[in-house]
Protein backbone atom coordinates (compact mmCIF):
# COMPACT_ATOMS: atom_id res chain seq x y z
CA MET A 1 0.00 0.00 0.00
CA ASP A 2 1.57 3.31 -1.08
CA LYS A 3 1.68 6.49 0.91
CA VAL A 4 -1.16 8.07 -1.04
CA LYS A 5 -3.64 5.31 -0.17
CA ILE A 6 -2.63 5.37 3.49
CA HIS A 7 -3.11 9.10 3.53
CA GLN A 8 -6.57 8.72 1.92
CA ILE A 9 -7.66 6.12 4.52
CA LEU A 10 -6.48 8.23 7.46
CA ASN A 11 -8.17 11.26 6.01
CA SER A 12 -11.42 9.31 5.61
CA VAL A 13 -11.26 8.16 9.25
CA TRP A 14 -10.60 11.69 10.39
CA LEU A 15 -13.50 13.05 8.39
CA TRP A 16 -15.78 10.32 9.82
CA MET A 17 -14.67 11.16 13.36
CA LYS A 18 -15.29 14.86 12.78
CA HIS A 19 -18.71 14.09 11.36
CA TYR A 20 -19.60 11.75 14.25
CA LYS A 21 -17.58 13.53 16.93
CA TRP A 22 -19.88 12.97 19.88
CA LEU A 23 -20.51 9.36 18.97
CA THR A 24 -16.75 8.79 18.83
CA ILE A 25 -16.19 10.45 22.19
CA THR A 26 -18.99 8.42 23.77
CA MET A 27 -17.74 5.10 22.40
CA THR A 28 -14.16 5.85 23.49
CA ALA A 29 -15.31 6.84 26.97
CA MET A 30 -17.41 3.69 27.30
CA PHE A 31 -14.50 1.53 26.16
CA LEU A 32 -12.11 3.18 28.65
CA LEU A 33 -14.65 2.93 31.44
CA ALA A 34 -15.24 -0.76 30.73
CA TRP A 35 -11.51 -1.41 30.58
CA LEU A 36 -10.83 0.45 33.80
CA GLY A 37 -13.74 -1.34 35.49
CA TYR A 38 -12.33 -4.67 34.35
CA LEU A 39 -8.85 -3.83 35.66
CA PHE A 40 -10.38 -2.54 38.90
CA ILE A 41 -12.18 -5.83 39.47
CA ILE A 42 -9.26 -8.03 38.42
CA PHE A 43 -6.57 -6.31 40.47
CA GLY A 44 -8.57 -4.60 43.24
CA GLY A 45 -9.31 -7.83 45.08
CA ARG A 46 -6.15 -7.50 47.17
CA PHE A 47 -7.75 -4.54 48.94
CA VAL A 48 -10.81 -6.62 49.88
CA PHE A 49 -8.90 -9.78 50.78
CA ASP A 50 -8.07 -10.28 54.48
CA GLU A 51 -5.50 -12.98 55.16
CA LYS A 52 -6.61 -13.37 58.77
CA ALA A 53 -10.17 -14.18 57.67
CA VAL A 54 -8.93 -17.17 55.66
CA ILE A 55 -7.68 -18.79 58.87
CA LEU A 56 -11.06 -20.06 60.03
CA PRO A 57 -11.68 -20.06 63.78
CA THR A 58 -11.82 -23.70 64.85
CA ALA A 59 -13.18 -25.16 68.09
CA SER A 60 -10.84 -26.69 70.63
CA SER A 61 -11.95 -29.93 72.28
CA VAL A 62 -11.06 -31.39 75.66
CA VAL A 63 -11.07 -35.17 75.29
CA ALA A 64 -10.48 -38.08 77.68
CA GLU A 65 -8.62 -41.22 76.64
CA ASP A 66 -11.84 -43.13 75.95
CA GLY A 67 -13.12 -40.37 73.64
CA THR A 68 -15.40 -38.67 76.17
CA VAL A 69 -15.63 -34.98 75.24
CA LEU A 70 -15.50 -32.87 78.38
CA GLY A 71 -16.24 -29.68 76.52
CA LYS A 72 -15.43 -27.38 73.62
CA LEU A 73 -14.34 -23.79 73.35
CA TYR A 74 -15.07 -21.72 70.27
CA THR A 75 -16.16 -18.46 68.76
CA GLU A 76 -17.69 -20.54 65.95
CA ASN A 77 -18.43 -24.22 66.58
CA ARG A 78 -16.26 -25.65 63.82
CA ASP A 79 -14.21 -28.86 63.59
CA TYR A 80 -11.97 -28.27 60.60
CA VAL A 81 -11.61 -31.16 58.13
CA THR A 82 -9.33 -31.42 55.12
CA LEU A 83 -10.48 -32.17 51.58
CA ASP A 84 -8.70 -35.53 51.80
CA GLN A 85 -11.03 -36.49 54.65
CA ILE A 86 -14.20 -35.51 52.80
CA PRO A 87 -15.72 -38.28 50.63
CA ASP A 88 -16.02 -37.50 46.92
CA HIS A 89 -19.79 -37.93 46.98
CA VAL A 90 -20.09 -35.23 49.66
CA GLU A 91 -18.08 -32.79 47.54
CA GLU A 92 -20.17 -33.70 44.51
CA ALA A 93 -23.41 -33.01 46.40
CA PHE A 94 -22.37 -29.45 47.23
CA ILE A 95 -21.02 -28.74 43.75
CA ALA A 96 -24.13 -30.16 42.08
CA MET A 97 -26.40 -27.98 44.18
CA GLU A 98 -24.39 -24.80 44.53
CA ASP A 99 -22.08 -24.46 41.52
CA LYS A 100 -22.00 -27.23 38.92
CA ARG A 101 -19.43 -25.35 36.81
CA PHE A 102 -17.10 -24.86 39.79
CA TYR A 103 -14.12 -26.54 38.13
CA GLU A 104 -14.68 -24.74 34.81
CA HIS A 105 -15.09 -21.05 35.66
CA ALA A 106 -12.64 -18.52 37.09
CA GLY A 107 -14.75 -17.81 40.14
CA ILE A 108 -17.28 -15.61 38.36
CA SER A 109 -18.89 -15.24 34.92
CA PHE A 110 -18.45 -12.16 32.73
CA PRO A 111 -22.20 -11.48 32.75
CA ALA A 112 -22.00 -11.42 36.56
CA VAL A 113 -19.14 -8.90 36.37
CA ALA A 114 -21.16 -6.69 34.02
CA ARG A 115 -24.22 -6.81 36.26
CA ALA A 116 -22.12 -5.99 39.31
CA VAL A 117 -20.48 -3.00 37.64
CA TYR A 118 -23.82 -1.71 36.38
CA ARG A 119 -25.62 -2.07 39.72
CA ASP A 120 -22.82 -0.75 41.89
CA ILE A 121 -21.08 1.86 39.81
CA ILE A 122 -23.80 3.09 37.47
CA ALA A 123 -27.11 2.35 39.17
CA MET A 124 -25.62 2.43 42.72
CA SER A 125 -28.09 -0.32 43.57
CA LYS A 126 -27.90 -2.68 46.57
CA VAL A 127 -29.93 -5.38 44.86
CA GLU A 128 -28.12 -8.72 44.99
CA GLY A 129 -27.96 -11.00 42.02
CA GLY A 130 -28.62 -14.70 42.35
CA GLY A 131 -26.57 -17.64 41.16
CA SER A 132 -23.40 -16.85 43.12
CA THR A 133 -20.59 -19.30 42.56
CA ILE A 134 -19.01 -21.23 45.42
CA THR A 135 -16.06 -18.83 45.24
CA GLN A 136 -18.37 -15.83 45.48
CA GLN A 137 -20.23 -17.33 48.45
CA LEU A 138 -16.90 -17.93 50.18
CA ALA A 139 -15.68 -14.39 49.45
CA LYS A 140 -18.90 -12.88 50.79
CA ASN A 141 -18.85 -14.97 53.99
CA LEU A 142 -15.16 -14.40 54.68
CA PHE A 143 -14.72 -10.73 53.86
CA LEU A 144 -18.09 -9.01 53.43
CA VAL A 145 -20.53 -10.44 55.94
CA ASN A 146 -20.95 -7.04 57.63
CA ASP A 147 -20.54 -4.93 54.49
CA LYS A 148 -23.81 -3.10 53.66
CA THR A 149 -22.38 -0.55 51.23
CA TRP A 150 -23.53 -0.10 47.65
CA MET A 151 -20.20 -1.50 46.43
CA ARG A 152 -20.65 -4.83 48.23
CA LYS A 153 -21.45 -6.90 45.15
CA THR A 154 -18.51 -5.48 43.23
CA LYS A 155 -16.22 -6.18 46.18
CA GLU A 156 -17.52 -9.75 46.23
CA VAL A 157 -16.58 -10.20 42.58
CA MET A 158 -13.17 -8.60 43.17
CA ALA A 159 -12.44 -10.87 46.14
CA SER A 160 -13.60 -13.92 44.16
CA VAL A 161 -11.20 -13.16 41.34
CA TYR A 162 -8.41 -12.69 43.86
CA LEU A 163 -9.15 -16.05 45.49
CA GLU A 164 -9.15 -17.82 42.14
CA ARG A 165 -5.83 -16.22 41.17
CA ASN A 166 -4.11 -17.09 44.46
CA TYR A 167 -5.72 -20.33 45.63
CA THR A 168 -6.29 -23.68 43.94
CA LYS A 169 -9.79 -25.02 43.37
CA SER A 170 -9.16 -27.64 46.05
CA GLN A 171 -8.14 -24.99 48.58
CA ILE A 172 -11.21 -22.89 47.79
CA LEU A 173 -13.55 -25.87 48.11
CA GLU A 174 -11.96 -26.95 51.40
CA LEU A 175 -12.37 -23.46 52.84
CA TYR A 176 -15.96 -23.28 51.61
CA LEU A 177 -16.99 -26.63 53.09
CA ASN A 178 -15.49 -25.67 56.44
CA GLU A 179 -16.85 -22.11 56.47
CA ILE A 180 -20.54 -22.64 55.68
CA TYR A 181 -23.17 -22.32 58.38
CA LEU A 182 -25.44 -25.35 58.79
CA ALA A 183 -27.91 -24.30 61.53
CA HIS A 184 -27.92 -24.78 65.32
CA GLY A 185 -24.66 -22.88 65.77
CA ILE A 186 -22.82 -25.41 63.57
CA TYR A 187 -20.13 -24.31 61.13
CA GLY A 188 -18.55 -26.59 58.54
CA ILE A 189 -19.40 -30.09 57.42
CA GLY A 190 -17.02 -31.74 59.90
CA THR A 191 -19.02 -30.44 62.85
CA ALA A 192 -22.31 -31.02 61.04
CA ALA A 193 -21.49 -34.69 60.38
CA ASP A 194 -21.11 -35.26 64.10
CA TYR A 195 -24.04 -33.07 65.13
CA TYR A 196 -26.65 -34.50 62.75
CA PHE A 197 -25.45 -38.09 62.37
CA GLY A 198 -22.95 -38.78 65.17
CA LYS A 199 -20.35 -39.71 62.55
CA ASN A 200 -16.94 -38.66 61.36
CA ILE A 201 -17.01 -36.93 57.99
CA GLU A 202 -15.36 -39.94 56.32
CA GLU A 203 -18.33 -42.13 57.25
CA LEU A 204 -21.12 -40.11 55.62
CA SER A 205 -23.35 -41.82 53.07
CA VAL A 206 -24.50 -40.21 49.82
CA GLU A 207 -27.91 -39.40 51.31
CA GLU A 208 -26.35 -37.84 54.41
CA GLY A 209 -23.97 -35.73 52.33
CA ALA A 210 -26.92 -34.62 50.20
CA LEU A 211 -28.81 -33.52 53.32
CA LEU A 212 -25.91 -31.33 54.44
CA ALA A 213 -25.73 -29.77 50.96
CA ALA A 214 -29.48 -29.15 51.17
CA LEU A 215 -29.03 -26.90 54.21
CA VAL A 216 -26.78 -24.27 52.61
CA LYS A 217 -29.47 -22.07 51.04
CA ALA A 218 -31.54 -21.65 54.24
CA PRO A 219 -30.08 -23.66 57.15
CA ASN A 220 -32.73 -22.79 59.72
CA THR A 221 -35.54 -23.57 57.24
CA TYR A 222 -34.28 -26.93 55.99
CA THR A 223 -32.78 -28.40 59.16
CA PRO A 224 -34.49 -31.75 59.91
CA HIS A 225 -34.77 -30.74 63.56
CA HIS A 226 -37.26 -28.04 62.53
CA ASP A 227 -39.13 -29.52 59.57
CA LEU A 228 -38.43 -33.08 58.51
CA GLU A 229 -40.60 -32.90 55.38
CA LYS A 230 -38.92 -29.76 54.05
CA ALA A 231 -35.53 -31.28 54.75
CA LYS A 232 -36.39 -34.44 52.84
CA ASN A 233 -37.74 -32.54 49.83
CA ARG A 234 -34.65 -30.38 49.70
CA ARG A 235 -32.34 -33.40 50.08
CA ASN A 236 -34.14 -35.14 47.22
CA LEU A 237 -33.57 -32.08 45.06
CA VAL A 238 -29.85 -32.38 45.75
CA LEU A 239 -29.96 -36.05 44.76
CA GLN A 240 -31.77 -35.05 41.54
CA GLN A 241 -29.01 -32.54 40.77
CA MET A 242 -26.36 -35.18 41.44
CA ALA A 243 -28.08 -37.49 38.97
CA ASN A 244 -28.26 -34.68 36.40
CA ASN A 245 -24.49 -34.24 36.82
CA ASP A 246 -23.93 -38.02 36.42
CA ASN A 247 -22.58 -38.29 39.98
CA ILE A 248 -25.11 -41.03 40.70
CA SER A 249 -27.34 -43.13 38.46
CA THR A 250 -31.05 -42.43 38.06
CA GLU A 251 -31.82 -45.81 39.63
CA ASP A 252 -29.71 -45.01 42.70
CA MET A 253 -31.30 -41.58 42.93
CA LEU A 254 -34.81 -43.05 43.01
CA ASP A 255 -33.82 -45.56 45.68
CA MET A 256 -32.17 -42.89 47.85
CA GLN A 257 -35.08 -40.48 47.54
CA THR A 258 -37.35 -43.02 49.22
CA THR A 259 -35.13 -43.34 52.31
CA SER A 260 -36.17 -41.59 55.47
CA ILE A 261 -33.97 -39.03 57.20
CA GLU A 262 -32.44 -40.30 60.41
CA VAL A 263 -30.59 -37.82 62.58
CA GLN A 264 -29.41 -38.24 66.14
CA ALA A 265 -31.40 -36.67 68.94
CA GLN A 266 -29.70 -33.71 70.59
CA GLN A 267 -29.13 -33.58 74.32
CA GLU A 268 -30.34 -30.30 75.74
CA GLU A 269 -28.07 -30.39 78.78
CA ARG A 270 -24.44 -31.36 79.15
CA GLU A 271 -23.24 -33.80 81.79
CA PRO A 272 -22.65 -31.79 85.02
CA TRP A 273 -19.98 -34.19 86.30
CA LEU A 274 -17.62 -33.03 83.53
CA ASP A 275 -17.58 -29.33 84.43
CA ASP A 276 -15.24 -29.65 87.42
CA TYR A 277 -12.43 -31.29 85.50
CA PHE A 278 -13.01 -29.09 82.45
CA ALA A 279 -12.57 -25.93 84.52
CA TYR A 280 -9.25 -27.14 85.92
CA VAL A 281 -8.01 -28.05 82.45
CA LEU A 282 -8.72 -24.52 81.19
CA ALA A 283 -6.60 -23.06 83.98
CA GLU A 284 -3.77 -25.52 83.30
CA THR A 285 -3.67 -24.78 79.56
CA GLU A 286 -2.92 -21.14 80.35
CA GLU A 287 -0.44 -21.79 83.14
CA VAL A 288 1.48 -24.74 81.67
CA TYR A 289 1.01 -24.30 77.90
CA ASP A 290 0.64 -20.50 77.75
CA LEU A 291 -2.62 -20.83 75.77
CA SER A 292 -5.31 -18.29 76.63
CA ARG A 293 -9.01 -18.98 76.32
CA GLU A 294 -9.13 -16.73 73.28
CA ALA A 295 -6.42 -18.83 71.63
CA LEU A 296 -8.36 -22.00 72.41
CA LYS A 297 -11.58 -20.54 70.97
CA ARG A 298 -9.96 -20.06 67.57
CA GLY A 299 -7.04 -22.46 67.43
CA GLY A 300 -8.62 -25.88 66.88
CA TYR A 301 -6.60 -27.57 69.62
CA THR A 302 -7.23 -31.09 70.87
CA ILE A 303 -6.57 -31.30 74.59
CA GLU A 304 -6.05 -34.89 75.73
CA VAL A 305 -6.61 -35.22 79.47
CA ASN A 306 -5.88 -37.76 82.18
CA MET A 307 -9.44 -38.00 83.50
CA ASP A 308 -10.96 -41.42 84.07
CA PRO A 309 -14.63 -40.82 83.12
CA THR A 310 -15.93 -43.74 85.19
CA ILE A 311 -14.21 -42.56 88.37
CA GLN A 312 -15.13 -38.93 87.70
CA LYS A 313 -18.81 -39.78 87.38
CA ILE A 314 -18.86 -41.99 90.47
CA ALA A 315 -17.09 -39.29 92.49
CA TYR A 316 -19.66 -36.73 91.36
CA GLU A 317 -22.56 -38.99 92.30
CA GLN A 318 -21.09 -39.73 95.73
CA MET A 319 -20.61 -36.02 96.38
CA GLN A 320 -24.34 -35.51 95.88
CA LYS A 321 -25.20 -37.78 98.82
CA SER A 322 -26.09 -35.77 101.93
CA ASP A 323 -24.93 -38.62 104.20
CA PHE A 324 -21.35 -37.51 103.66
CA PHE A 325 -22.03 -33.88 104.60
CA HIS A 326 -23.16 -33.53 108.18
CA GLY A 327 -23.12 -29.75 108.16
CA SER A 328 -25.39 -27.35 109.96
CA ASN A 329 -26.87 -26.05 106.70
CA ASP A 330 -27.30 -26.88 103.05
CA ALA A 331 -24.34 -24.68 102.07
CA VAL A 332 -21.78 -27.18 103.38
CA ASP A 333 -19.55 -28.18 100.49
CA GLY A 334 -16.33 -29.98 99.65
CA SER A 335 -14.00 -31.18 96.92
CA PHE A 336 -12.50 -34.47 95.76
CA ILE A 337 -9.17 -35.20 94.07
CA LEU A 338 -7.80 -38.51 92.86
CA MET A 339 -4.18 -38.58 91.72
CA GLU A 340 -2.50 -41.55 90.07
CA GLN A 341 0.47 -41.83 92.43
CA THR A 342 3.02 -43.21 89.96
CA THR A 343 2.67 -40.41 87.40
CA GLY A 344 1.11 -37.58 89.38
CA ASN A 345 -1.72 -37.41 86.82
CA LEU A 346 -5.12 -36.24 88.04
CA GLN A 347 -7.79 -38.82 87.30
CA ALA A 348 -10.77 -37.19 88.99
CA LEU A 349 -11.56 -33.68 90.22
CA ILE A 350 -14.76 -32.55 91.91
CA ALA A 351 -14.74 -28.81 92.60
CA GLY A 352 -17.97 -28.70 94.60
CA ARG A 353 -21.24 -30.53 95.08
CA ASP A 354 -23.09 -28.35 92.57
CA PHE A 355 -20.18 -26.82 90.69
CA GLN A 356 -20.73 -24.95 87.43
CA LEU A 357 -18.23 -23.13 85.26
CA ASN A 358 -17.22 -19.78 86.80
CA ASP A 359 -18.42 -20.85 90.27
CA ILE A 360 -16.04 -20.98 93.25
CA ASN A 361 -13.68 -23.85 92.47
CA HIS A 362 -12.91 -25.59 95.76
CA VAL A 363 -10.12 -27.62 94.13
CA ILE A 364 -7.96 -24.51 93.80
CA THR A 365 -9.39 -22.39 96.64
CA LYS A 366 -7.03 -21.93 99.57
CA LYS A 367 -8.50 -22.80 102.97
CA GLN A 368 -7.29 -23.63 106.44
CA PRO A 369 -5.91 -27.18 106.21
CA GLY A 370 -6.24 -28.03 109.91
CA SER A 371 -4.55 -31.22 111.06
CA VAL A 372 -3.99 -32.34 107.48
CA ILE A 373 -0.84 -30.22 107.51
CA LYS A 374 0.81 -32.09 110.41
CA PRO A 375 2.50 -34.84 108.33
CA LEU A 376 3.75 -32.27 105.81
CA ALA A 377 4.93 -29.49 108.14
CA VAL A 378 5.75 -31.36 111.36
CA TYR A 379 6.21 -35.13 111.42
CA GLY A 380 7.68 -35.64 107.94
CA PRO A 381 10.29 -32.86 108.41
CA ALA A 382 11.09 -34.10 111.94
CA MET A 383 11.87 -37.66 110.80
CA GLN A 384 13.79 -36.26 107.81
CA LEU A 385 16.23 -34.69 110.31
CA GLY A 386 17.07 -38.17 111.59
CA ASN A 387 16.42 -37.19 115.22
CA TYR A 388 12.95 -38.72 115.49
CA LEU A 389 11.52 -42.19 114.81
CA PRO A 390 7.91 -43.43 114.96
CA TYR A 391 8.25 -45.00 118.40
CA ASP A 392 10.25 -42.26 120.07
CA LEU A 393 8.50 -40.71 123.07
CA ILE A 394 7.59 -37.03 122.87
CA PRO A 395 5.77 -34.74 125.34
CA ASP A 396 1.99 -34.58 125.38
CA GLN A 397 1.60 -31.70 127.80
CA ASP A 398 -0.11 -28.33 128.25
CA ILE A 399 2.90 -26.08 127.59
CA ASN A 400 3.05 -22.30 127.42
CA TYR A 401 5.17 -21.10 124.49
CA ASP A 402 5.68 -17.45 125.34
CA GLY A 403 1.97 -16.86 125.61
CA TYR A 404 0.85 -19.38 122.99
CA ARG A 405 -0.88 -22.43 124.42
CA VAL A 406 -2.64 -25.24 122.62
CA GLY A 407 -4.86 -28.03 123.84
CA ASN A 408 -5.72 -31.47 122.51
CA ALA A 409 -9.17 -31.91 121.00
CA ASP A 410 -10.34 -33.99 123.98
CA ASP A 411 -8.52 -31.73 126.46
CA ASN A 412 -6.64 -34.77 127.84
CA TYR A 413 -2.85 -35.09 128.10
CA GLU A 414 -0.84 -38.27 128.59
CA GLU A 415 2.48 -36.65 129.57
CA GLU A 416 4.31 -38.71 126.92
CA VAL A 417 3.22 -40.48 123.76
CA THR A 418 5.04 -42.05 120.86
CA LEU A 419 5.31 -40.05 117.67
CA TYR A 420 3.27 -42.87 116.07
CA GLN A 421 0.44 -42.39 118.61
CA ALA A 422 0.52 -38.60 118.16
CA VAL A 423 -0.08 -39.05 114.43
CA VAL A 424 -2.75 -41.75 114.74
CA GLU A 425 -4.75 -39.78 117.31
CA SER A 426 -3.95 -36.41 115.68
CA LYS A 427 -2.85 -34.86 118.97
CA ASN A 428 -2.23 -31.14 118.93
CA ALA A 429 0.17 -30.63 121.84
CA PRO A 430 2.86 -33.05 120.56
CA ALA A 431 2.67 -31.52 117.05
CA VAL A 432 3.33 -28.01 118.39
CA TRP A 433 6.18 -29.30 120.61
CA ILE A 434 7.84 -31.03 117.60
CA LEU A 435 7.55 -27.89 115.45
CA ASP A 436 9.09 -25.82 118.23
CA GLN A 437 12.01 -28.27 118.39
CA ILE A 438 12.77 -28.53 114.68
CA GLY A 439 12.20 -24.85 114.01
CA ILE A 440 9.58 -23.03 111.93
CA GLU A 441 12.06 -21.92 109.28
CA TYR A 442 13.27 -25.49 108.74
CA SER A 443 9.66 -26.69 108.42
CA LYS A 444 8.93 -23.96 105.88
CA SER A 445 12.01 -24.93 103.87
CA ILE A 446 10.62 -28.46 103.51
CA LEU A 447 7.21 -27.12 102.51
CA GLU A 448 8.80 -24.87 99.89
CA LYS A 449 10.21 -27.93 98.14
CA MET A 450 6.57 -28.95 97.59
CA LYS A 451 5.62 -25.50 96.25
CA ILE A 452 3.90 -24.66 99.53
CA ASN A 453 4.97 -21.12 100.34
CA ILE A 454 3.53 -19.62 103.50
CA SER A 455 4.24 -16.35 105.23
CA ASP A 456 3.25 -17.52 108.73
CA SER A 457 5.91 -17.64 111.42
CA GLY A 458 4.01 -18.86 114.47
CA LEU A 459 3.60 -22.29 116.08
CA ALA A 460 -0.07 -22.31 115.07
CA MET A 461 1.30 -23.44 111.72
CA ALA A 462 1.58 -26.95 113.19
CA LEU A 463 -2.22 -27.10 113.42
CA GLY A 464 -2.98 -25.55 110.04
CA GLY A 465 -3.65 -22.08 111.37
CA LEU A 466 -2.43 -20.23 108.29
CA GLU A 467 -3.06 -16.73 107.02
CA THR A 468 -4.00 -17.80 103.48
CA GLY A 469 -4.29 -21.58 103.77
CA LEU A 470 -3.61 -24.32 101.20
CA ASP A 471 -5.63 -25.64 98.29
CA PRO A 472 -6.48 -29.34 97.92
CA ILE A 473 -4.13 -29.75 94.94
CA GLN A 474 -1.17 -28.65 97.08
CA ILE A 475 -2.14 -31.10 99.79
CA THR A 476 -2.56 -33.95 97.31
CA GLU A 477 0.85 -33.23 95.76
CA GLY A 478 2.39 -33.14 99.24
CA TYR A 479 0.86 -36.42 100.41
CA ARG A 480 1.98 -38.13 97.22
CA THR A 481 5.57 -37.83 98.47
CA PHE A 482 4.88 -40.44 101.17
CA ILE A 483 3.68 -43.11 98.73
CA HIS A 484 6.39 -42.39 96.19
CA HIS A 485 9.67 -42.60 98.07
CA GLY A 486 9.68 -38.95 99.09
CA GLU A 487 9.45 -37.52 95.56
CA TRP A 488 7.22 -34.52 94.89
CA ILE A 489 5.82 -34.03 91.39
CA GLU A 490 3.64 -31.32 89.92
CA ALA A 491 0.06 -32.52 89.40
CA ARG A 492 -1.15 -32.47 85.82
CA SER A 493 -4.60 -32.91 84.30
CA ILE A 494 -3.41 -32.65 80.68
CA ASP A 495 -1.60 -35.48 78.93
CA ALA A 496 -0.95 -33.63 75.66
CA ILE A 497 -2.21 -30.77 73.49
CA LEU A 498 -2.27 -31.09 69.71
CA ASP A 499 -2.67 -28.11 67.42
CA ARG A 500 -4.89 -28.10 64.32
CA ASP A 501 -2.04 -29.75 62.36
CA GLN A 502 -1.82 -32.52 64.99
CA GLU A 503 1.57 -31.28 66.17
CA LYS A 504 2.24 -31.43 69.92
CA VAL A 505 2.31 -28.14 71.81
CA GLN A 506 5.28 -28.08 74.18
CA PRO A 507 4.41 -27.50 77.86
CA LYS A 508 6.58 -25.99 80.54
CA GLU A 509 8.92 -28.56 82.02
CA ARG A 510 7.21 -30.58 84.72
CA GLU A 511 8.82 -30.05 88.09
CA THR A 512 9.90 -32.83 90.45
CA LYS A 513 11.74 -32.57 93.77
CA SER A 514 13.19 -35.00 96.29
CA VAL A 515 11.62 -33.94 99.60
CA PHE A 516 11.94 -36.91 101.97
CA ASN A 517 14.24 -39.92 101.98
CA SER A 518 12.79 -43.37 101.45
CA GLN A 519 12.80 -44.28 105.15
CA THR A 520 10.97 -41.13 106.21
CA SER A 521 8.33 -41.55 103.50
CA TRP A 522 7.88 -45.25 104.37
CA ASN A 523 7.45 -44.47 108.09
CA MET A 524 4.99 -41.68 107.36
CA LEU A 525 2.97 -43.89 104.99
CA ARG A 526 2.63 -46.67 107.58
CA MET A 527 1.47 -44.18 110.22
CA LEU A 528 -1.08 -42.65 107.84
CA GLU A 529 -2.45 -46.11 107.10
CA ALA A 530 -2.89 -46.57 110.86
CA VAL A 531 -4.77 -43.24 111.02
CA VAL A 532 -7.42 -44.71 108.71
CA GLU A 533 -7.40 -48.20 110.19
CA GLU A 534 -7.53 -47.33 113.90
CA GLY A 535 -7.23 -43.57 114.36
CA THR A 536 -9.08 -40.35 113.67
CA GLY A 537 -9.60 -41.26 110.02
CA GLU A 538 -11.29 -44.57 110.73
CA ALA A 539 -14.73 -43.22 109.80
CA GLY A 540 -13.47 -42.67 106.27
CA GLY A 541 -11.66 -45.98 105.99
CA LEU A 542 -11.51 -47.97 102.76
CA ARG A 543 -11.13 -51.67 102.31
CA LYS A 544 -9.00 -51.09 99.25
CA SER A 545 -5.59 -49.59 98.58
CA LEU A 546 -5.22 -46.02 99.84
CA SER A 547 -3.14 -44.94 96.84
CA ARG A 548 -3.69 -45.16 93.16
């Protein structure tokens, strides 16, 4: 083409543009606006995307060895499951019902983009279009649930494009199936599988997966706990869609549509005998594992505990019996602790007769220990010195210690008794005399080895007259030294904590101390057995082993 022809063509175009000037300007403006809108949607998603929102809050569970769930903590009741765990037919049910072209599109369709731009930018309308893809539903639920602005639909499209550009289809589907709300405070299909059917996600049948997919559009409307007929009709529609997508045969669809819906009944109240142990576990997670309640509510931790459910339940039931509480009023209360002596693990904890979460927890409440402190603060330390043996004679007299006097419970004195007899009969005067001989500071140094730190400096300490007292856990840890060769170990309710990736969370190092030698602990153990068999503890005697 020569220069003359080119010049003629350009001149013709120029003349046309001059003749249709306003049409040309309008078309150019529309083209630029469309192009800018397209770029805005494609690349603006990063400003809508929130990385923190993609990390779904997952419930933490406290679980005993036999699978008993003591409780859960969560902001959203969600048990996260991976796509590998989810059966193919469950995935297919959701895709068939919600977005059959999920694996073909780029998160949105161009008509949807055009509608969004028109409504938001031009018409400034808040009307929502139907037919959202799975990616769009996920984007809306993750990033825009509280967004009521006129740009919400456009933001949804922008975020969807961003997700598709930065996440695989499998990652998007996994997030979606774990994020969706399925009625009754349930989030995600992992939690829903357990709630509705009492099953792990891997065990769901085609019909059960179809029912969960049926809930997405209106969970509170289609839940079988509210309207069984609506739920069945909606489930059958999902099965029809699966057949249309060749996920199941027509024959199988017809057979499945005739089956009734069977869901497990829901217990309205939790088991009260679990609360006591659960409360202690929550405190231990913070102290030993440095995990706050807020972290547990979002982190998806599995807390494996040392509780024996059978013993815990029996202990709770026994604590309800008024025969064991001969108090002057109905407010009399108590606590119960069972420690496995070899490991120091706590197998049962009762924090009160009618304990509920956030009530006074008697397991960790410091109170005056009374005569329970004598073996720990007086007789154990005395024998540890090597100057006293069980059958040594010690004074049993009314002595004035610079103005401090103490009497025996029966107000009788025998002048001299053996140390063994003083323990068995829980005599006060000999205990105070021993403490005066061995020294208060020495006694406190022994107690400190057992994490019992007291500020008291008077002889009343021998009888448990303390300013702040001791809690039952401290006493249990202390008494464990006598059955375990004088070794003190920190009590633990938690066996292990696993994070959402099933990796162990490292606790603080568990403390142990050698407090008494083997001879002292053996002597003290034999005397304590005699207390129960023939002494002041006879009323609470057991025919079985005193340790566990």
